[in-house]
Amino acid sequence: TDVRIVAATNVNMAEAISKGRFREDLYYRLSTVEINLP
């Protein structure tokens, strides 16, 4: 498949990674560019 993925979250990703709830390698794949809204 040829799909462009844009993801969003309100979770503290660093904390989720440290607790084993989110894969660190996936985080770096998703956050090639990170956009933060105030």
All heavy atoms as atom14 arrays in JSON, in Angstrom:
{
  "sequence": "TDVRIVAATNVNMAEAISKGRFREDLYYRLSTVEINLP",
  "atom14_mask": [
    [1, 1, 1, 1, 1, 1, 1, 0, 0, 0, 0, 0, 0, 0],
    [1, 1, 1, 1, 1, 1, 1, 1, 0, 0, 0, 0, 0, 0],
    [1, 1, 1, 1, 1, 1, 1, 0, 0, 0, 0, 0, 0, 0],
    [1, 1, 1, 1, 1, 1, 1, 1, 1, 1, 1, 0, 0, 0],
    [1, 1, 1, 1, 1, 1, 1, 1, 0, 0, 0, 0, 0, 0],
    [1, 1, 1, 1, 1, 1, 1, 0, 0, 0, 0, 0, 0, 0],
    [1, 1, 1, 1, 1, 0, 0, 0, 0, 0, 0, 0, 0, 0],
    [1, 1, 1, 1, 1, 0, 0, 0, 0, 0, 0, 0, 0, 0],
    [1, 1, 1, 1, 1, 1, 1, 0, 0, 0, 0, 0, 0, 0],
    [1, 1, 1, 1, 1, 1, 1, 1, 0, 0, 0, 0, 0, 0],
    [1, 1, 1, 1, 1, 1, 1, 0, 0, 0, 0, 0, 0, 0],
    [1, 1, 1, 1, 1, 1, 1, 1, 0, 0, 0, 0, 0, 0],
    [1, 1, 1, 1, 1, 1, 1, 1, 0, 0, 0, 0, 0, 0],
    [1, 1, 1, 1, 1, 0, 0, 0, 0, 0, 0, 0, 0, 0],
    [1, 1, 1, 1, 1, 1, 1, 1, 1, 0, 0, 0, 0, 0],
    [1, 1, 1, 1, 1, 0, 0, 0, 0, 0, 0, 0, 0, 0],
    [1, 1, 1, 1, 1, 1, 1, 1, 0, 0, 0, 0, 0, 0],
    [1, 1, 1, 1, 1, 1, 0, 0, 0, 0, 0, 0, 0, 0],
    [1, 1, 1, 1, 1, 1, 1, 1, 1, 0, 0, 0, 0, 0],
    [1, 1, 1, 1, 0, 0, 0, 0, 0, 0, 0, 0, 0, 0],
    [1, 1, 1, 1, 1, 1, 1, 1, 1, 1, 1, 0, 0, 0],
    [1, 1, 1, 1, 1, 1, 1, 1, 1, 1, 1, 0, 0, 0],
    [1, 1, 1, 1, 1, 1, 1, 1, 1, 1, 1, 0, 0, 0],
    [1, 1, 1, 1, 1, 1, 1, 1, 1, 0, 0, 0, 0, 0],
    [1, 1, 1, 1, 1, 1, 1, 1, 0, 0, 0, 0, 0, 0],
    [1, 1, 1, 1, 1, 1, 1, 1, 0, 0, 0, 0, 0, 0],
    [1, 1, 1, 1, 1, 1, 1, 1, 1, 1, 1, 1, 0, 0],
    [1, 1, 1, 1, 1, 1, 1, 1, 1, 1, 1, 1, 0, 0],
    [1, 1, 1, 1, 1, 1, 1, 1, 1, 1, 1, 0, 0, 0],
    [1, 1, 1, 1, 1, 1, 1, 1, 0, 0, 0, 0, 0, 0],
    [1, 1, 1, 1, 1, 1, 0, 0, 0, 0, 0, 0, 0, 0],
    [1, 1, 1, 1, 1, 1, 1, 0, 0, 0, 0, 0, 0, 0],
    [1, 1, 1, 1, 1, 1, 1, 0, 0, 0, 0, 0, 0, 0],
    [1, 1, 1, 1, 1, 1, 1, 1, 1, 0, 0, 0, 0, 0],
    [1, 1, 1, 1, 1, 1, 1, 1, 0, 0, 0, 0, 0, 0],
    [1, 1, 1, 1, 1, 1, 1, 1, 0, 0, 0, 0, 0, 0],
    [1, 1, 1, 1, 1, 1, 1, 1, 0, 0, 0, 0, 0, 0],
    [1, 1, 1, 1, 1, 1, 1, 0, 0, 0, 0, 0, 0, 0]
  ],
  "atom14_positions": [
    [[0.85, -1.19, 0.0], [0.0, 0.0, 0.0], [0.88, 1.24, 0.0], [1.99, 1.24, 0.56], [-0.95, 0.01, 1.21], [-1.84, 1.12, 1.12], [-0.17, 0.13, 2.52], [0.0, 0.0, 0.0], [0.0, 0.0, 0.0], [0.0, 0.0, 0.0], [0.0, 0.0, 0.0], [0.0, 0.0, 0.0], [0.0, 0.0, 0.0], [0.0, 0.0, 0.0]],
    [[0.39, 2.29, -0.63], [1.11, 3.56, -0.67], [0.25, 4.6, 0.05], [-0.62, 5.23, -0.55], [1.36, 3.98, -2.13], [2.03, 5.34, -2.22], [2.68, 5.76, -1.23], [1.88, 6.01, -3.27], [0.0, 0.0, 0.0], [0.0, 0.0, 0.0], [0.0, 0.0, 0.0], [0.0, 0.0, 0.0], [0.0, 0.0, 0.0], [0.0, 0.0, 0.0]],
    [[0.47, 4.75, 1.35], [-0.36, 5.6, 2.2], [0.54, 6.57, 2.96], [1.58, 6.18, 3.49], [-1.2, 4.76, 3.18], [-1.94, 5.65, 4.15], [-2.19, 3.9, 2.41], [0.0, 0.0, 0.0], [0.0, 0.0, 0.0], [0.0, 0.0, 0.0], [0.0, 0.0, 0.0], [0.0, 0.0, 0.0], [0.0, 0.0, 0.0], [0.0, 0.0, 0.0]],
    [[0.1, 7.81, 3.02], [0.78, 8.81, 3.86], [0.11, 8.81, 5.23], [-1.11, 8.92, 5.33], [0.63, 10.18, 3.19], [1.46, 11.39, 3.68], [1.87, 11.88, 4.6], [2.73, 12.98, 4.84], [2.87, 14.12, 4.18], [2.22, 14.36, 3.07], [3.67, 15.05, 4.64], [0.0, 0.0, 0.0], [0.0, 0.0, 0.0], [0.0, 0.0, 0.0]],
    [[0.9, 8.65, 6.3], [0.35, 8.55, 7.65], [0.62, 9.84, 8.41], [1.76, 10.31, 8.51], [0.95, 7.36, 8.42], [0.56, 6.04, 7.75], [0.48, 7.36, 9.87], [1.17, 4.82, 8.4], [0.0, 0.0, 0.0], [0.0, 0.0, 0.0], [0.0, 0.0, 0.0], [0.0, 0.0, 0.0], [0.0, 0.0, 0.0], [0.0, 0.0, 0.0]],
    [[-0.47, 10.42, 8.92], [-0.37, 11.54, 9.86], [-1.03, 11.08, 11.15], [-2.19, 10.65, 11.13], [-1.07, 12.81, 9.32], [-0.93, 13.95, 10.33], [-0.49, 13.21, 7.98], [0.0, 0.0, 0.0], [0.0, 0.0, 0.0], [0.0, 0.0, 0.0], [0.0, 0.0, 0.0], [0.0, 0.0, 0.0], [0.0, 0.0, 0.0], [0.0, 0.0, 0.0]],
    [[-0.3, 11.12, 12.25], [-0.81, 10.64, 13.54], [-0.93, 11.8, 14.51], [-0.28, 12.85, 14.35], [0.1, 9.56, 14.11], [0.0, 0.0, 0.0], [0.0, 0.0, 0.0], [0.0, 0.0, 0.0], [0.0, 0.0, 0.0], [0.0, 0.0, 0.0], [0.0, 0.0, 0.0], [0.0, 0.0, 0.0], [0.0, 0.0, 0.0], [0.0, 0.0, 0.0]],
    [[-1.78, 11.61, 15.51], [-1.95, 12.63, 16.55], [-2.14, 11.95, 17.88], [-2.69, 10.85, 17.96], [-3.15, 13.53, 16.23], [0.0, 0.0, 0.0], [0.0, 0.0, 0.0], [0.0, 0.0, 0.0], [0.0, 0.0, 0.0], [0.0, 0.0, 0.0], [0.0, 0.0, 0.0], [0.0, 0.0, 0.0], [0.0, 0.0, 0.0], [0.0, 0.0, 0.0]],
    [[-1.7, 12.62, 18.94], [-1.87, 12.07, 20.28], [-1.8, 13.18, 21.31], [-1.15, 14.2, 21.1], [-0.79, 11.01, 20.58], [-1.01, 10.45, 21.88], [0.61, 11.62, 20.56], [0.0, 0.0, 0.0], [0.0, 0.0, 0.0], [0.0, 0.0, 0.0], [0.0, 0.0, 0.0], [0.0, 0.0, 0.0], [0.0, 0.0, 0.0], [0.0, 0.0, 0.0]],
    [[-2.51, 12.95, 22.43], [-2.37, 13.85, 23.58], [-1.63, 13.16, 24.72], [-1.56, 13.67, 25.82], [-3.75, 14.33, 24.07], [-4.64, 13.17, 24.5], [-4.24, 12.01, 24.43], [-5.83, 13.48, 24.95], [0.0, 0.0, 0.0], [0.0, 0.0, 0.0], [0.0, 0.0, 0.0], [0.0, 0.0, 0.0], [0.0, 0.0, 0.0], [0.0, 0.0, 0.0]],
    [[-1.09, 11.97, 24.42], [-0.35, 11.19, 25.41], [1.09, 11.68, 25.49], [1.68, 12.08, 24.48], [-0.38, 9.69, 25.04], [0.51, 8.86, 25.97], [-1.8, 9.16, 25.08], [0.0, 0.0, 0.0], [0.0, 0.0, 0.0], [0.0, 0.0, 0.0], [0.0, 0.0, 0.0], [0.0, 0.0, 0.0], [0.0, 0.0, 0.0], [0.0, 0.0, 0.0]],
    [[1.66, 11.67, 26.7], [3.08, 11.96, 26.86], [3.86, 10.76, 26.34], [3.97, 9.73, 27.0], [3.4, 12.21, 28.34], [4.84, 12.63, 28.56], [5.75, 12.22, 27.84], [5.06, 13.47, 29.57], [0.0, 0.0, 0.0], [0.0, 0.0, 0.0], [0.0, 0.0, 0.0], [0.0, 0.0, 0.0], [0.0, 0.0, 0.0], [0.0, 0.0, 0.0]],
    [[4.39, 10.87, 25.13], [5.0, 9.72, 24.47], [6.25, 9.22, 25.17], [6.52, 8.01, 25.22], [5.32, 10.07, 23.01], [4.09, 10.42, 22.19], [2.86, 9.09, 22.17], [3.62, 7.94, 21.05], [0.0, 0.0, 0.0], [0.0, 0.0, 0.0], [0.0, 0.0, 0.0], [0.0, 0.0, 0.0], [0.0, 0.0, 0.0], [0.0, 0.0, 0.0]],
    [[7.03, 10.13, 25.73], [8.24, 9.71, 26.45], [7.87, 8.83, 27.64], [8.51, 7.81, 27.91], [9.03, 10.93, 26.91], [0.0, 0.0, 0.0], [0.0, 0.0, 0.0], [0.0, 0.0, 0.0], [0.0, 0.0, 0.0], [0.0, 0.0, 0.0], [0.0, 0.0, 0.0], [0.0, 0.0, 0.0], [0.0, 0.0, 0.0], [0.0, 0.0, 0.0]],
    [[6.81, 9.23, 28.36], [6.36, 8.43, 29.5], [5.78, 7.1, 29.04], [6.02, 6.06, 29.67], [5.3, 9.22, 30.28], [4.81, 8.52, 31.53], [3.78, 9.34, 32.28], [3.68, 10.56, 32.0], [3.07, 8.78, 33.13], [0.0, 0.0, 0.0], [0.0, 0.0, 0.0], [0.0, 0.0, 0.0], [0.0, 0.0, 0.0], [0.0, 0.0, 0.0]],
    [[5.0, 7.1, 27.94], [4.42, 5.87, 27.42], [5.5, 4.89, 26.98], [5.4, 3.67, 27.2], [3.48, 6.18, 26.26], [0.0, 0.0, 0.0], [0.0, 0.0, 0.0], [0.0, 0.0, 0.0], [0.0, 0.0, 0.0], [0.0, 0.0, 0.0], [0.0, 0.0, 0.0], [0.0, 0.0, 0.0], [0.0, 0.0, 0.0], [0.0, 0.0, 0.0]],
    [[6.58, 5.4, 26.38], [7.69, 4.55, 25.96], [8.4, 3.96, 27.17], [8.72, 2.77, 27.21], [8.67, 5.35, 25.08], [8.02, 5.69, 23.74], [9.96, 4.57, 24.86], [8.81, 6.67, 22.91], [0.0, 0.0, 0.0], [0.0, 0.0, 0.0], [0.0, 0.0, 0.0], [0.0, 0.0, 0.0], [0.0, 0.0, 0.0], [0.0, 0.0, 0.0]],
    [[8.64, 4.79, 28.2], [9.35, 4.31, 29.39], [8.55, 3.24, 30.14], [9.12, 2.36, 30.77], [9.65, 5.48, 30.34], [8.44, 6.03, 30.85], [0.0, 0.0, 0.0], [0.0, 0.0, 0.0], [0.0, 0.0, 0.0], [0.0, 0.0, 0.0], [0.0, 0.0, 0.0], [0.0, 0.0, 0.0], [0.0, 0.0, 0.0], [0.0, 0.0, 0.0]],
    [[7.22, 3.3, 30.05], [6.37, 2.31, 30.71], [6.04, 1.11, 29.83], [5.29, 0.23, 30.22], [5.07, 2.97, 31.18], [5.28, 3.98, 32.29], [3.96, 4.57, 32.76], [4.17, 5.54, 33.92], [2.91, 6.12, 34.39], [0.0, 0.0, 0.0], [0.0, 0.0, 0.0], [0.0, 0.0, 0.0], [0.0, 0.0, 0.0], [0.0, 0.0, 0.0]],
    [[6.6, 1.09, 28.62], [6.41, -0.06, 27.74], [5.06, -0.09, 27.04], [4.67, -1.14, 26.51], [0.0, 0.0, 0.0], [0.0, 0.0, 0.0], [0.0, 0.0, 0.0], [0.0, 0.0, 0.0], [0.0, 0.0, 0.0], [0.0, 0.0, 0.0], [0.0, 0.0, 0.0], [0.0, 0.0, 0.0], [0.0, 0.0, 0.0], [0.0, 0.0, 0.0]],
    [[4.34, 1.03, 27.0], [3.03, 1.06, 26.36], [3.13, 1.47, 24.88], [2.15, 1.33, 24.16], [2.09, 2.01, 27.1], [1.77, 1.6, 28.52], [0.51, 2.29, 29.0], [0.62, 3.73, 28.92], [0.95, 4.52, 29.94], [1.19, 3.98, 31.13], [1.02, 5.83, 29.79], [0.0, 0.0, 0.0], [0.0, 0.0, 0.0], [0.0, 0.0, 0.0]],
    [[4.28, 1.99, 24.46], [4.44, 2.4, 23.07], [5.86, 2.1, 22.62], [6.83, 2.34, 23.35], [4.14, 3.9, 22.91], [3.79, 4.29, 21.5], [2.49, 4.19, 21.05], [4.77, 4.76, 20.63], [2.16, 4.54, 19.75], [4.45, 5.12, 19.33], [3.14, 5.01, 18.89], [0.0, 0.0, 0.0], [0.0, 0.0, 0.0], [0.0, 0.0, 0.0]],
    [[5.96, 1.57, 21.41], [7.27, 1.18, 20.87], [8.08, 2.42, 20.5], [7.59, 3.33, 19.82], [7.1, 0.31, 19.64], [6.48, -1.05, 19.93], [6.32, -1.82, 18.64], [7.61, -2.05, 18.01], [8.34, -3.16, 18.14], [7.88, -4.15, 18.92], [9.49, -3.3, 17.55], [0.0, 0.0, 0.0], [0.0, 0.0, 0.0], [0.0, 0.0, 0.0]],
    [[9.33, 2.42, 20.94], [10.19, 3.57, 20.67], [10.5, 3.69, 19.19], [10.53, 4.8, 18.63], [11.48, 3.44, 21.48], [12.38, 4.66, 21.41], [13.57, 4.57, 22.35], [13.8, 3.48, 22.9], [14.26, 5.6, 22.51], [0.0, 0.0, 0.0], [0.0, 0.0, 0.0], [0.0, 0.0, 0.0], [0.0, 0.0, 0.0], [0.0, 0.0, 0.0]],
    [[10.73, 2.54, 18.51], [11.04, 2.61, 17.08], [9.87, 3.14, 16.27], [10.05, 3.89, 15.3], [11.48, 1.24, 16.56], [10.54, 0.11, 16.98], [9.54, 0.39, 17.68], [10.8, -1.05, 16.62], [0.0, 0.0, 0.0], [0.0, 0.0, 0.0], [0.0, 0.0, 0.0], [0.0, 0.0, 0.0], [0.0, 0.0, 0.0], [0.0, 0.0, 0.0]],
    [[8.65, 2.79, 16.68], [7.47, 3.32, 15.99], [7.33, 4.82, 16.21], [6.96, 5.57, 15.29], [6.21, 2.59, 16.47], [4.88, 3.08, 15.89], [4.88, 2.98, 14.37], [3.71, 2.31, 16.48], [0.0, 0.0, 0.0], [0.0, 0.0, 0.0], [0.0, 0.0, 0.0], [0.0, 0.0, 0.0], [0.0, 0.0, 0.0], [0.0, 0.0, 0.0]],
    [[7.64, 5.26, 17.42], [7.55, 6.7, 17.71], [8.47, 7.5, 16.78], [8.06, 8.52, 16.21], [7.92, 6.96, 19.16], [8.14, 8.42, 19.48], [7.08, 9.31, 19.53], [9.43, 8.91, 19.7], [7.28, 10.66, 19.79], [9.64, 10.24, 19.98], [8.56, 11.11, 20.03], [8.78, 12.44, 20.29], [0.0, 0.0, 0.0], [0.0, 0.0, 0.0]],
    [[9.7, 7.02, 16.6], [10.64, 7.76, 15.75], [10.23, 7.69, 14.27], [10.53, 8.61, 13.49], [12.06, 7.23, 15.94], [12.63, 7.61, 17.29], [13.02, 6.64, 18.2], [12.76, 8.95, 17.64], [13.53, 7.0, 19.45], [13.27, 9.31, 18.88], [13.65, 8.34, 19.78], [14.14, 8.68, 21.01], [0.0, 0.0, 0.0], [0.0, 0.0, 0.0]],
    [[9.56, 6.62, 13.87], [9.06, 6.53, 12.5], [7.91, 7.52, 12.27], [7.82, 8.15, 11.21], [8.57, 5.11, 12.22], [9.67, 4.1, 12.0], [10.25, 4.24, 10.61], [11.25, 3.22, 10.35], [11.87, 3.08, 9.19], [11.61, 3.92, 8.21], [12.77, 2.14, 9.01], [0.0, 0.0, 0.0], [0.0, 0.0, 0.0], [0.0, 0.0, 0.0]],
    [[7.03, 7.63, 13.26], [5.88, 8.51, 13.12], [6.26, 9.99, 13.22], [5.67, 10.84, 12.57], [4.83, 8.19, 14.19], [4.04, 6.89, 14.03], [3.18, 6.65, 15.27], [3.16, 6.94, 12.79], [0.0, 0.0, 0.0], [0.0, 0.0, 0.0], [0.0, 0.0, 0.0], [0.0, 0.0, 0.0], [0.0, 0.0, 0.0], [0.0, 0.0, 0.0]],
    [[7.22, 10.27, 14.08], [7.55, 11.68, 14.38], [8.73, 12.19, 13.58], [9.59, 12.9, 14.12], [7.83, 11.84, 15.88], [8.93, 11.04, 16.27], [0.0, 0.0, 0.0], [0.0, 0.0, 0.0], [0.0, 0.0, 0.0], [0.0, 0.0, 0.0], [0.0, 0.0, 0.0], [0.0, 0.0, 0.0], [0.0, 0.0, 0.0], [0.0, 0.0, 0.0]],
    [[8.8, 11.82, 12.3], [9.84, 12.39, 11.44], [9.76, 13.91, 11.5], [10.77, 14.61, 11.59], [9.67, 11.9, 9.99], [9.62, 10.47, 9.99], [10.81, 12.38, 9.12], [0.0, 0.0, 0.0], [0.0, 0.0, 0.0], [0.0, 0.0, 0.0], [0.0, 0.0, 0.0], [0.0, 0.0, 0.0], [0.0, 0.0, 0.0], [0.0, 0.0, 0.0]],
    [[8.52, 14.42, 11.44], [8.26, 15.82, 11.72], [7.19, 15.87, 12.8], [6.14, 15.24, 12.65], [7.78, 16.57, 10.46], [7.34, 17.99, 10.84], [8.87, 16.61, 9.41], [0.0, 0.0, 0.0], [0.0, 0.0, 0.0], [0.0, 0.0, 0.0], [0.0, 0.0, 0.0], [0.0, 0.0, 0.0], [0.0, 0.0, 0.0], [0.0, 0.0, 0.0]],
    [[7.46, 16.58, 13.87], [6.49, 16.7, 14.96], [5.96, 18.13, 15.0], [6.71, 19.1, 15.01], [7.14, 16.34, 16.3], [6.15, 16.32, 17.46], [6.73, 15.7, 18.73], [7.64, 14.84, 18.61], [6.29, 16.07, 19.83], [0.0, 0.0, 0.0], [0.0, 0.0, 0.0], [0.0, 0.0, 0.0], [0.0, 0.0, 0.0], [0.0, 0.0, 0.0]],
    [[4.63, 18.23, 15.03], [3.97, 19.54, 15.07], [3.18, 19.63, 16.36], [2.31, 18.8, 16.62], [3.03, 19.72, 13.86], [3.84, 19.66, 12.55], [2.27, 21.03, 13.96], [2.98, 19.72, 11.3], [0.0, 0.0, 0.0], [0.0, 0.0, 0.0], [0.0, 0.0, 0.0], [0.0, 0.0, 0.0], [0.0, 0.0, 0.0], [0.0, 0.0, 0.0]],
    [[3.5, 20.63, 17.17], [2.83, 20.78, 18.47], [1.89, 21.98, 18.43], [2.27, 23.07, 18.0], [3.86, 20.97, 19.58], [3.22, 21.14, 20.94], [3.07, 22.26, 21.43], [2.82, 20.03, 21.55], [0.0, 0.0, 0.0], [0.0, 0.0, 0.0], [0.0, 0.0, 0.0], [0.0, 0.0, 0.0], [0.0, 0.0, 0.0], [0.0, 0.0, 0.0]],
    [[0.67, 21.76, 18.88], [-0.31, 22.84, 18.96], [-0.41, 23.33, 20.4], [-0.55, 22.51, 21.33], [-1.68, 22.35, 18.48], [-1.82, 22.12, 16.98], [-3.19, 21.55, 16.65], [-1.59, 23.41, 16.2], [0.0, 0.0, 0.0], [0.0, 0.0, 0.0], [0.0, 0.0, 0.0], [0.0, 0.0, 0.0], [0.0, 0.0, 0.0], [0.0, 0.0, 0.0]],
    [[-0.35, 24.63, 20.63], [-0.36, 25.17, 21.99], [-1.74, 25.04, 22.63], [-2.76, 25.08, 21.93], [0.02, 26.64, 21.8], [-0.46, 26.96, 20.41], [-0.27, 25.71, 19.61], [0.0, 0.0, 0.0], [0.0, 0.0, 0.0], [0.0, 0.0, 0.0], [0.0, 0.0, 0.0], [0.0, 0.0, 0.0], [0.0, 0.0, 0.0], [0.0, 0.0, 0.0]]
  ]
}
